[in-house]
N, C-alpha and C. Protein backbone atom coordinates (compact mmCIF):
# COMPACT_ATOMS: atom_id res chain seq x y z
N MET A 1 21.27 104.50 76.24
CA MET A 1 20.62 104.34 77.32
C MET A 1 20.26 105.43 78.22
N SER A 2 21.14 106.21 78.26
CA SER A 2 20.71 107.44 79.34
C SER A 2 19.63 108.26 78.68
N ALA A 3 19.69 108.36 77.37
CA ALA A 3 18.57 109.23 76.91
C ALA A 3 17.12 108.57 77.08
N THR A 4 17.12 107.16 77.24
CA THR A 4 15.91 106.80 77.31
C THR A 4 15.35 106.80 78.88
N LEU A 5 16.48 106.59 79.83
CA LEU A 5 16.20 106.81 81.17
C LEU A 5 15.89 108.18 81.72
N PHE A 6 16.79 109.06 81.26
CA PHE A 6 16.81 110.55 81.80
C PHE A 6 16.29 111.56 80.93
N LEU A 7 16.30 111.31 79.57
CA LEU A 7 16.12 112.24 78.49
C LEU A 7 17.35 113.06 78.49
N ALA A 8 18.43 112.68 78.73
CA ALA A 8 19.70 113.38 78.65
C ALA A 8 20.76 112.35 78.17
N ASN A 9 21.57 113.07 77.22
CA ASN A 9 22.49 112.24 76.56
C ASN A 9 23.90 112.72 77.20
N PHE A 10 24.60 111.99 77.81
CA PHE A 10 25.74 112.48 78.63
C PHE A 10 26.91 112.68 77.67
N ALA A 11 26.79 112.18 76.46
CA ALA A 11 27.94 112.36 75.57
C ALA A 11 28.01 113.63 74.94
N GLU A 12 26.95 114.30 75.04
CA GLU A 12 26.87 115.67 74.35
C GLU A 12 27.37 116.79 75.30
N PHE A 13 27.23 116.63 76.54
CA PHE A 13 27.37 117.69 77.43
C PHE A 13 28.87 117.74 77.80
N ASP A 14 29.31 119.07 77.98
CA ASP A 14 30.63 119.27 78.39
C ASP A 14 30.56 120.11 79.73
N SER A 15 30.46 119.40 80.88
CA SER A 15 30.54 120.13 82.12
C SER A 15 30.90 119.43 83.13
N ASP A 16 31.05 120.00 84.32
CA ASP A 16 31.80 119.33 85.61
C ASP A 16 30.95 118.10 86.02
N ALA A 17 29.64 118.09 85.51
CA ALA A 17 28.70 116.90 86.23
C ALA A 17 29.30 115.79 85.27
N VAL A 18 29.25 115.93 83.81
CA VAL A 18 29.72 114.89 83.09
C VAL A 18 31.03 114.25 83.28
N GLU A 19 32.01 115.23 83.62
CA GLU A 19 33.32 114.78 83.90
C GLU A 19 33.30 113.82 85.30
N GLU A 20 32.70 114.32 86.11
CA GLU A 20 32.39 113.64 87.50
C GLU A 20 31.84 112.36 87.26
N LEU A 21 30.75 112.16 86.49
CA LEU A 21 30.14 111.28 86.01
C LEU A 21 31.16 110.20 85.28
N LYS A 22 32.00 110.66 84.46
CA LYS A 22 32.86 109.70 83.70
C LYS A 22 33.99 109.41 84.62
N GLU A 23 34.34 110.10 85.46
CA GLU A 23 35.48 109.73 86.71
C GLU A 23 34.92 108.67 87.37
N SER A 24 33.76 108.66 87.68
CA SER A 24 33.11 107.70 88.66
C SER A 24 32.72 106.12 88.15
N ILE A 25 32.26 106.41 86.72
CA ILE A 25 32.17 105.23 86.01
C ILE A 25 33.50 104.41 85.71
N GLU A 26 34.53 105.20 85.48
CA GLU A 26 35.97 104.70 85.29
C GLU A 26 36.38 104.07 86.37
N GLY A 27 36.15 104.85 87.75
CA GLY A 27 36.59 104.34 88.95
C GLY A 27 36.09 102.85 89.11
N VAL A 28 34.86 102.82 88.90
CA VAL A 28 33.97 101.54 89.19
C VAL A 28 34.59 100.57 88.18
N ALA A 29 34.87 100.65 87.01
CA ALA A 29 35.21 99.82 85.98
C ALA A 29 36.80 99.19 86.37
N ARG A 30 37.52 100.23 87.03
CA ARG A 30 38.86 99.69 87.60
C ARG A 30 38.61 99.01 88.66
N ILE A 31 37.70 99.28 89.66
CA ILE A 31 37.73 98.61 90.99
C ILE A 31 37.03 97.01 90.54
N VAL A 32 36.07 96.86 89.63
CA VAL A 32 35.59 95.68 89.34
C VAL A 32 36.53 94.69 88.68
N ALA A 33 37.44 95.29 87.89
CA ALA A 33 38.45 94.72 87.07
C ALA A 33 39.59 93.93 88.10
N LEU A 34 39.78 94.61 89.38
CA LEU A 34 40.81 94.22 90.25
C LEU A 34 40.63 92.92 90.84
N PRO A 35 41.46 91.85 91.08
CA PRO A 35 41.14 90.74 91.92
C PRO A 35 41.18 91.11 93.31
N ASN A 36 40.19 90.78 94.00
CA ASN A 36 40.18 91.02 95.51
C ASN A 36 40.71 89.82 96.37
N PHE A 37 41.57 89.98 97.06
CA PHE A 37 42.45 89.02 97.85
C PHE A 37 41.46 88.55 98.90
N GLY A 38 40.56 89.37 99.32
CA GLY A 38 39.64 88.92 100.36
C GLY A 38 38.72 87.83 99.75
N ASP A 39 38.37 87.67 98.45
CA ASP A 39 37.67 86.58 97.94
C ASP A 39 38.27 85.34 97.82
N TYR A 40 39.70 85.32 97.86
CA TYR A 40 40.40 84.11 97.71
C TYR A 40 40.86 83.62 99.33
N PHE A 41 40.95 84.73 100.05
CA PHE A 41 41.33 84.42 101.36
C PHE A 41 40.21 85.04 102.26
N PRO A 42 39.01 84.28 102.75
CA PRO A 42 37.87 84.89 103.43
C PRO A 42 38.48 85.59 104.76
N VAL A 43 39.53 85.15 105.50
CA VAL A 43 39.87 85.64 106.59
C VAL A 43 40.38 86.98 106.49
N LEU A 44 40.76 87.43 105.26
CA LEU A 44 41.25 88.77 104.91
C LEU A 44 40.24 89.61 104.62
N LYS A 45 38.93 89.40 104.21
CA LYS A 45 37.89 90.18 103.83
C LYS A 45 37.53 91.23 104.54
N PRO A 46 37.48 91.21 106.08
CA PRO A 46 37.21 92.11 106.71
C PRO A 46 38.02 93.39 106.79
N PHE A 47 39.22 92.86 106.42
CA PHE A 47 40.32 94.04 106.43
C PHE A 47 40.29 95.02 105.36
N ASP A 48 39.71 94.59 104.29
CA ASP A 48 39.79 95.36 103.10
C ASP A 48 41.23 95.68 102.72
N LEU A 49 42.11 94.89 102.66
CA LEU A 49 43.68 95.40 102.54
C LEU A 49 43.89 96.26 101.37
N GLN A 50 43.36 95.87 100.29
CA GLN A 50 43.58 96.82 99.05
C GLN A 50 42.52 97.85 98.96
N GLY A 51 41.64 98.11 99.98
CA GLY A 51 40.89 99.37 99.80
C GLY A 51 39.69 99.26 98.76
N ILE A 52 39.45 98.16 98.27
CA ILE A 52 38.53 98.10 97.17
C ILE A 52 37.03 98.56 97.71
N LYS A 53 36.61 98.00 99.02
CA LYS A 53 35.40 98.25 99.24
C LYS A 53 35.09 99.87 99.49
N ARG A 54 36.30 100.53 100.15
CA ARG A 54 36.29 101.83 100.47
C ARG A 54 36.26 102.56 99.22
N LYS A 55 36.92 102.28 98.13
CA LYS A 55 36.89 102.99 97.01
C LYS A 55 35.59 102.85 96.21
N ALA A 56 34.89 101.63 96.24
CA ALA A 56 33.61 101.47 95.73
C ALA A 56 32.60 102.11 96.34
N GLU A 57 32.64 102.41 97.65
CA GLU A 57 31.75 103.31 98.37
C GLU A 57 31.80 104.67 97.86
N ILE A 58 32.96 105.13 97.72
CA ILE A 58 33.35 106.54 97.23
C ILE A 58 32.73 106.56 95.84
N TYR A 59 32.92 105.71 94.85
CA TYR A 59 32.50 105.99 93.42
C TYR A 59 30.85 105.70 93.37
N PHE A 60 30.37 104.67 94.03
CA PHE A 60 28.94 104.57 93.88
C PHE A 60 28.14 105.67 94.70
N GLY A 61 28.89 106.18 95.70
CA GLY A 61 28.26 107.30 96.44
C GLY A 61 27.95 108.36 95.42
N LYS A 62 29.30 108.72 94.76
CA LYS A 62 29.19 109.90 93.71
C LYS A 62 28.01 109.65 92.57
N LEU A 63 27.86 108.56 92.08
CA LEU A 63 26.90 108.12 91.23
C LEU A 63 25.62 108.25 91.86
N LEU A 64 25.45 107.98 93.09
CA LEU A 64 24.00 108.01 93.63
C LEU A 64 23.51 109.50 93.85
N VAL A 65 24.78 110.45 94.10
CA VAL A 65 24.57 111.67 94.37
C VAL A 65 23.97 112.52 92.88
N LEU A 66 24.77 111.92 91.70
CA LEU A 66 24.43 112.50 90.66
C LEU A 66 23.06 112.16 90.06
N ILE A 67 22.63 110.86 90.35
CA ILE A 67 21.14 110.29 90.03
C ILE A 67 20.21 111.05 90.97
N GLU A 68 20.49 111.38 92.20
CA GLU A 68 19.46 112.25 92.87
C GLU A 68 19.37 113.50 92.52
N ASP A 69 20.47 114.15 91.98
CA ASP A 69 20.34 115.41 91.36
C ASP A 69 19.54 115.42 90.32
N MET A 70 19.70 114.55 89.32
CA MET A 70 18.88 114.44 88.12
C MET A 70 17.31 114.27 88.59
N ILE A 71 17.14 113.38 89.67
CA ILE A 71 15.75 113.28 90.01
C ILE A 71 15.33 114.46 90.58
N ASN A 72 15.86 115.14 91.43
CA ASN A 72 15.51 116.60 91.86
C ASN A 72 15.29 117.74 90.85
N GLN A 73 15.99 117.71 90.07
CA GLN A 73 15.91 118.52 88.84
C GLN A 73 14.65 118.31 88.14
N ARG A 74 14.33 116.90 87.83
CA ARG A 74 13.29 116.59 87.31
C ARG A 74 12.03 116.92 88.03
N LEU A 75 12.07 116.90 89.28
CA LEU A 75 10.90 117.06 90.16
C LEU A 75 10.59 118.54 90.05
N GLU A 76 11.66 119.38 90.04
CA GLU A 76 11.45 120.78 90.09
C GLU A 76 10.83 121.23 88.57
N LYS A 77 11.35 120.56 87.53
CA LYS A 77 10.80 121.06 86.39
C LYS A 77 9.31 120.62 86.30
N ARG A 78 8.97 119.41 86.74
CA ARG A 78 7.51 118.94 86.81
C ARG A 78 6.55 119.99 87.64
N THR A 79 6.93 120.65 88.57
CA THR A 79 6.18 121.71 89.20
C THR A 79 6.14 122.93 88.44
N SER A 80 6.86 123.29 87.43
CA SER A 80 6.86 124.43 86.67
C SER A 80 5.73 124.60 85.75
N VAL A 81 5.33 125.70 85.56
CA VAL A 81 4.21 126.04 84.70
C VAL A 81 4.37 125.45 83.16
N GLY A 82 3.55 124.84 82.67
CA GLY A 82 3.71 124.59 81.09
C GLY A 82 4.65 123.45 80.82
N TYR A 83 5.12 122.67 81.91
CA TYR A 83 5.87 121.36 81.61
C TYR A 83 4.89 120.42 81.10
N GLN A 84 5.63 119.69 79.98
CA GLN A 84 5.31 118.68 79.31
C GLN A 84 5.91 117.31 79.70
N LYS A 85 5.15 116.44 80.16
CA LYS A 85 5.83 115.14 80.56
C LYS A 85 6.58 114.58 79.45
N LYS A 86 7.68 113.93 79.56
CA LYS A 86 8.33 113.26 78.61
C LYS A 86 8.05 111.70 78.71
N ARG A 87 8.54 111.08 77.73
CA ARG A 87 8.27 109.59 77.70
C ARG A 87 9.63 109.02 78.04
N THR A 88 9.90 108.98 79.48
CA THR A 88 11.28 108.48 79.82
C THR A 88 11.02 107.37 81.09
N MET A 89 11.92 106.81 81.32
CA MET A 89 11.79 105.77 82.45
C MET A 89 11.68 106.60 83.78
N LEU A 90 12.45 107.61 83.82
CA LEU A 90 12.41 108.38 85.12
C LEU A 90 11.09 109.00 85.32
N GLU A 91 10.50 109.53 84.31
CA GLU A 91 9.20 110.18 84.38
C GLU A 91 8.07 108.99 84.91
N THR A 92 8.28 107.93 84.30
CA THR A 92 7.33 106.74 84.67
C THR A 92 7.54 106.49 86.09
N LEU A 93 8.75 106.30 86.62
CA LEU A 93 8.97 105.92 87.75
C LEU A 93 8.56 106.99 88.93
N LEU A 94 8.67 108.21 88.40
CA LEU A 94 8.17 109.44 89.42
C LEU A 94 6.58 109.34 89.36
N ASP A 95 5.97 109.00 88.31
CA ASP A 95 4.60 108.80 88.46
C ASP A 95 4.03 107.69 89.33
N LEU A 96 4.94 106.54 89.39
CA LEU A 96 4.59 105.49 90.30
C LEU A 96 4.77 106.11 91.61
N ASN A 97 5.71 106.81 91.87
CA ASN A 97 6.04 107.21 93.21
C ASN A 97 4.88 108.24 93.78
N GLU A 98 4.35 109.01 92.80
CA GLU A 98 3.47 110.03 93.35
C GLU A 98 2.01 109.46 93.41
N GLY A 99 1.78 108.29 92.70
CA GLY A 99 0.41 107.55 92.62
C GLY A 99 0.32 106.83 93.85
N SER A 100 -0.83 106.26 93.96
CA SER A 100 -1.23 105.54 95.19
C SER A 100 -1.26 104.09 95.09
N GLU A 101 -1.06 103.63 93.86
CA GLU A 101 -1.34 102.21 93.47
C GLU A 101 0.09 101.45 93.93
N TYR A 102 1.12 101.96 93.64
CA TYR A 102 2.35 101.52 94.05
C TYR A 102 3.17 102.21 95.17
N GLU A 103 3.68 101.40 95.98
CA GLU A 103 4.82 102.16 96.93
C GLU A 103 6.01 102.06 96.60
N LEU A 104 6.48 103.08 95.66
CA LEU A 104 8.07 103.13 95.20
C LEU A 104 8.55 104.46 95.54
N SER A 105 9.60 104.24 96.61
CA SER A 105 10.15 105.45 97.17
C SER A 105 11.31 105.87 96.37
N CYS A 106 11.61 107.24 96.60
CA CYS A 106 12.97 107.77 95.95
C CYS A 106 14.07 107.00 95.97
N TYR A 107 14.39 106.49 97.01
CA TYR A 107 15.43 105.71 97.54
C TYR A 107 15.45 104.38 96.54
N GLU A 108 14.40 103.69 96.33
CA GLU A 108 14.23 102.68 95.45
C GLU A 108 14.39 103.07 94.10
N ILE A 109 13.96 104.14 93.56
CA ILE A 109 14.14 104.64 92.18
C ILE A 109 15.57 105.11 91.94
N LYS A 110 16.19 105.84 93.00
CA LYS A 110 17.51 105.97 92.71
C LYS A 110 18.47 104.78 92.54
N HIS A 111 18.15 103.76 93.14
CA HIS A 111 18.94 102.65 93.14
C HIS A 111 18.64 101.80 92.01
N LEU A 112 17.33 101.86 91.60
CA LEU A 112 16.83 101.17 90.25
C LEU A 112 17.78 101.76 88.93
N LEU A 113 17.57 103.15 89.07
CA LEU A 113 18.38 103.75 87.85
C LEU A 113 19.86 103.61 87.94
N LEU A 114 20.28 103.53 89.22
CA LEU A 114 21.78 103.19 89.31
C LEU A 114 22.22 101.80 88.64
N GLU A 115 21.29 100.83 89.03
CA GLU A 115 21.41 99.66 88.39
C GLU A 115 21.21 99.49 86.97
N GLU A 116 20.23 100.31 86.38
CA GLU A 116 19.85 100.22 84.95
C GLU A 116 20.91 100.95 84.07
N GLU A 117 21.17 102.14 84.62
CA GLU A 117 22.20 103.06 83.70
C GLU A 117 23.71 102.49 83.96
N PHE A 118 24.19 102.11 85.35
CA PHE A 118 25.50 102.11 85.44
C PHE A 118 25.92 100.66 85.78
N GLY A 119 25.02 99.85 86.00
CA GLY A 119 25.18 98.36 86.28
C GLY A 119 25.90 97.60 85.07
N SER A 120 25.96 98.08 83.95
CA SER A 120 26.63 97.48 82.72
C SER A 120 27.99 97.58 83.11
N VAL A 121 28.66 98.23 83.72
CA VAL A 121 29.89 98.39 83.99
C VAL A 121 30.36 97.27 84.63
N CYS A 122 29.50 96.42 85.57
CA CYS A 122 29.78 95.38 86.22
C CYS A 122 29.54 94.27 85.50
N HIS A 123 28.36 94.10 84.85
CA HIS A 123 27.98 92.90 84.20
C HIS A 123 27.04 93.30 83.15
N TRP A 124 27.53 93.61 81.97
CA TRP A 124 26.82 94.09 80.95
C TRP A 124 25.72 93.06 80.15
N PRO A 125 25.97 91.73 80.13
CA PRO A 125 24.96 90.93 79.60
C PRO A 125 23.79 90.86 80.38
N VAL A 126 23.87 91.00 81.67
CA VAL A 126 22.78 90.83 82.71
C VAL A 126 21.86 91.90 82.46
N GLU A 127 22.35 93.18 82.16
CA GLU A 127 21.52 94.29 82.25
C GLU A 127 20.51 94.32 81.13
N CYS A 128 20.82 93.82 80.16
CA CYS A 128 19.60 93.54 78.82
C CYS A 128 18.63 92.67 79.31
N TYR A 129 18.85 91.62 80.13
CA TYR A 129 17.80 90.51 80.44
C TYR A 129 17.24 91.28 81.55
N THR A 130 17.67 91.94 82.42
CA THR A 130 17.00 92.62 83.66
C THR A 130 15.94 93.61 82.92
N LEU A 131 16.48 94.50 82.20
CA LEU A 131 15.68 95.46 81.60
C LEU A 131 14.54 94.80 80.77
N GLN A 132 14.61 93.92 80.15
CA GLN A 132 13.64 93.16 79.25
C GLN A 132 12.44 92.53 80.20
N TRP A 133 13.09 92.10 81.35
CA TRP A 133 12.30 91.32 82.45
C TRP A 133 11.58 92.36 83.08
N GLN A 134 11.87 93.51 83.43
CA GLN A 134 11.16 94.60 84.19
C GLN A 134 10.10 95.27 83.10
N LEU A 135 10.54 95.42 81.84
CA LEU A 135 9.65 96.01 81.00
C LEU A 135 8.39 94.92 80.57
């Protein structure tokens, strides 16, 4: 899936970014697997006694930063001389961002890619249907 979206296969790279990505995805998977007592006792929800919301914000924040870095790298490559466009979802979304037909911001692109690439950690069957519907 990562190759389709970004033209990058995360399984092949051995770098700090991939390790950070792996750590963030594993953290999100751990968090969504935990039972949240705030769901069972709504009075406790604002207190976040287990720290689930705080941890989720940290991990999802890291994922958003990684996606933003990928977007910025692609935008830099697109301005270089001799760059040939790739047929990826990221390229298509950036084309939509630069065009005048649709109003698609980088913020929306970032969150869409987060959902498409890493949303499967939370609800894997829904991702397939969401992607099919969007295409």
